Amino acid sequence: MAERTATIGSRVGLHARPAAIFAEAAGEYDFEITIAKEGEPADEAMDASSILSLMSLGAEYGQKVILRADHPDADTALDHLATVLETDHDAE
């Protein structure tokens, strides 16, 4: 299983707009990708392509999250998704 740690880059956290951007990016992959706050058990990880899951995660600016996937293309996908999370989508 591949795993990446990413730091939330949007100044207001993983709220509506950044969550929608991330969920759309995660939904482009045809395999399951999960997200959880750093330090939470893996069994509490949520579906990374679900905007509702992302909103309920409550990840704030600067907080670390863990992305996981078990697929041959997981490393490439997680690298891309970590970059999406680390971008400030609220910058003007």
C-alpha atoms as a PDB file:
ATOM      1  CA  MET A   1       0.000   0.000   0.000  1.00  0.00           C
ATOM      2  CA  ALA A   2       1.314   3.418  -0.986  1.00  0.00           C
ATOM      3  CA  GLU A   3       1.088   6.299   1.457  1.00  0.00           C
ATOM      4  CA  ARG A   4       1.820  10.026   1.322  1.00  0.00           C
ATOM      5  CA  THR A   5       1.733  12.745   3.931  1.00  0.00           C
ATOM      6  CA  ALA A   6       0.530  16.148   2.740  1.00  0.00           C
ATOM      7  CA  THR A   7       0.074  19.479   4.502  1.00  0.00           C
ATOM      8  CA  ILE A   8      -3.146  21.396   3.845  1.00  0.00           C
ATOM      9  CA  GLY A   9      -2.132  24.501   1.892  1.00  0.00           C
ATOM     10  CA  SER A  10      -5.408  26.397   1.549  1.00  0.00           C
ATOM     11  CA  ARG A  11      -5.502  29.206   4.102  1.00  0.00           C
ATOM     12  CA  VAL A  12      -9.010  28.334   5.257  1.00  0.00           C
ATOM     13  CA  GLY A  13      -8.451  24.582   5.329  1.00  0.00           C
ATOM     14  CA  LEU A  14     -10.096  21.831   3.353  1.00  0.00           C
ATOM     15  CA  HIS A  15     -13.467  23.571   3.079  1.00  0.00           C
ATOM     16  CA  ALA A  16     -15.915  23.728   0.148  1.00  0.00           C
ATOM     17  CA  ARG A  17     -13.798  24.982  -2.765  1.00  0.00           C
ATOM     18  CA  PRO A  18     -10.516  23.178  -1.986  1.00  0.00           C
ATOM     19  CA  ALA A  19     -12.469  20.040  -1.033  1.00  0.00           C
ATOM     20  CA  ALA A  20     -14.326  20.101  -4.349  1.00  0.00           C
ATOM     21  CA  ILE A  21     -11.093  20.555  -6.304  1.00  0.00           C
ATOM     22  CA  PHE A  22      -9.437  17.702  -4.410  1.00  0.00           C
ATOM     23  CA  ALA A  23     -12.462  15.366  -4.646  1.00  0.00           C
ATOM     24  CA  GLU A  24     -12.607  15.905  -8.411  1.00  0.00           C
ATOM     25  CA  ALA A  25      -8.887  15.132  -8.744  1.00  0.00           C
ATOM     26  CA  ALA A  26      -9.207  11.997  -6.582  1.00  0.00           C
ATOM     27  CA  GLY A  27     -12.247  10.889  -8.578  1.00  0.00           C
ATOM     28  CA  GLU A  28     -10.176  10.803 -11.762  1.00  0.00           C
ATOM     29  CA  TYR A  29      -8.547   7.571 -10.566  1.00  0.00           C
ATOM     30  CA  ASP A  30     -10.353   4.253 -10.952  1.00  0.00           C
ATOM     31  CA  PHE A  31      -9.170   2.888  -7.604  1.00  0.00           C
ATOM     32  CA  GLU A  32      -9.880   3.698  -3.968  1.00  0.00           C
ATOM     33  CA  ILE A  33      -7.885   6.478  -2.359  1.00  0.00           C
ATOM     34  CA  THR A  34      -8.374   7.318   1.296  1.00  0.00           C
ATOM     35  CA  ILE A  35      -7.548  10.341   3.421  1.00  0.00           C
ATOM     36  CA  ALA A  36      -7.191  10.704   7.190  1.00  0.00           C
ATOM     37  CA  LYS A  37      -5.755  13.256   9.569  1.00  0.00           C
ATOM     38  CA  GLU A  38      -2.235  12.413  10.682  1.00  0.00           C
ATOM     39  CA  GLY A  39      -2.311  10.353  13.847  1.00  0.00           C
ATOM     40  CA  GLU A  40      -5.759   8.866  13.263  1.00  0.00           C
ATOM     41  CA  PRO A  41      -6.115   5.088  12.849  1.00  0.00           C
ATOM     42  CA  ALA A  42      -6.116   3.840   9.257  1.00  0.00           C
ATOM     43  CA  ASP A  43      -9.570   2.328   9.760  1.00  0.00           C
ATOM     44  CA  GLU A  44     -10.964   5.863  10.228  1.00  0.00           C
ATOM     45  CA  ALA A  45      -9.752   6.949   6.787  1.00  0.00           C
ATOM     46  CA  MET A  46     -12.360   8.397   4.457  1.00  0.00           C
ATOM     47  CA  ASP A  47     -13.030   8.225   0.731  1.00  0.00           C
ATOM     48  CA  ALA A  48     -10.852  10.935  -0.836  1.00  0.00           C
ATOM     49  CA  SER A  49     -13.218  11.376  -3.791  1.00  0.00           C
ATOM     50  CA  SER A  50     -16.224  12.207  -1.578  1.00  0.00           C
ATOM     51  CA  ILE A  51     -16.698  15.916  -0.950  1.00  0.00           C
ATOM     52  CA  LEU A  52     -18.904  15.116   2.046  1.00  0.00           C
ATOM     53  CA  SER A  53     -16.164  12.980   3.591  1.00  0.00           C
ATOM     54  CA  LEU A  54     -13.605  15.699   2.966  1.00  0.00           C
ATOM     55  CA  MET A  55     -15.796  18.372   4.548  1.00  0.00           C
ATOM     56  CA  SER A  56     -16.427  16.196   7.612  1.00  0.00           C
ATOM     57  CA  LEU A  57     -12.696  15.526   7.954  1.00  0.00           C
ATOM     58  CA  GLY A  58     -12.287  19.109   9.179  1.00  0.00           C
ATOM     59  CA  ALA A  59      -8.662  19.448   8.066  1.00  0.00           C
ATOM     60  CA  GLU A  60      -7.344  22.947   8.735  1.00  0.00           C
ATOM     61  CA  TYR A  61      -4.553  25.005   7.175  1.00  0.00           C
ATOM     62  CA  GLY A  62      -1.152  23.542   8.026  1.00  0.00           C
ATOM     63  CA  GLN A  63      -2.574  20.249   9.269  1.00  0.00           C
ATOM     64  CA  LYS A  64      -1.039  17.031   7.975  1.00  0.00           C
ATOM     65  CA  VAL A  65      -3.156  14.355   6.334  1.00  0.00           C
ATOM     66  CA  ILE A  66      -2.321  10.863   5.133  1.00  0.00           C
ATOM     67  CA  LEU A  67      -3.310   9.633   1.680  1.00  0.00           C
ATOM     68  CA  ARG A  68      -3.357   5.884   1.007  1.00  0.00           C
ATOM     69  CA  ALA A  69      -4.056   3.658  -1.981  1.00  0.00           C
ATOM     70  CA  ASP A  70      -3.337   0.077  -2.980  1.00  0.00           C
ATOM     71  CA  HIS A  71      -2.891  -0.030  -6.753  1.00  0.00           C
ATOM     72  CA  PRO A  72       0.022  -0.258  -9.229  1.00  0.00           C
ATOM     73  CA  ASP A  73      -0.475   3.441 -10.109  1.00  0.00           C
ATOM     74  CA  ALA A  74      -0.878   4.577  -6.506  1.00  0.00           C
ATOM     75  CA  ASP A  75       2.498   6.315  -6.210  1.00  0.00           C
ATOM     76  CA  THR A  76       1.820   8.594  -9.172  1.00  0.00           C
ATOM     77  CA  ALA A  77      -1.737   9.309  -8.022  1.00  0.00           C
ATOM     78  CA  LEU A  78      -0.735  10.113  -4.454  1.00  0.00           C
ATOM     79  CA  ASP A  79       2.083  12.402  -5.589  1.00  0.00           C
ATOM     80  CA  HIS A  80      -0.417  14.333  -7.729  1.00  0.00           C
ATOM     81  CA  LEU A  81      -3.047  14.489  -4.981  1.00  0.00           C
ATOM     82  CA  ALA A  82      -0.530  15.612  -2.365  1.00  0.00           C
ATOM     83  CA  THR A  83       0.370  18.516  -4.649  1.00  0.00           C
ATOM     84  CA  VAL A  84      -3.325  19.415  -4.972  1.00  0.00           C
ATOM     85  CA  LEU A  85      -3.698  19.451  -1.174  1.00  0.00           C
ATOM     86  CA  GLU A  86      -0.572  21.529  -0.651  1.00  0.00           C
ATOM     87  CA  THR A  87      -1.743  24.253  -3.070  1.00  0.00           C
ATOM     88  CA  ASP A  88      -3.527  27.315  -1.672  1.00  0.00           C
ATOM     89  CA  HIS A  89      -6.722  27.222  -3.721  1.00  0.00           C
ATOM     90  CA  ASP A  90      -7.972  30.340  -1.935  1.00  0.00           C
ATOM     91  CA  ALA A  91      -5.129  32.584  -3.089  1.00  0.00           C
ATOM     92  CA  GLU A  92      -6.304  35.454  -5.239  1.00  0.00           C
END
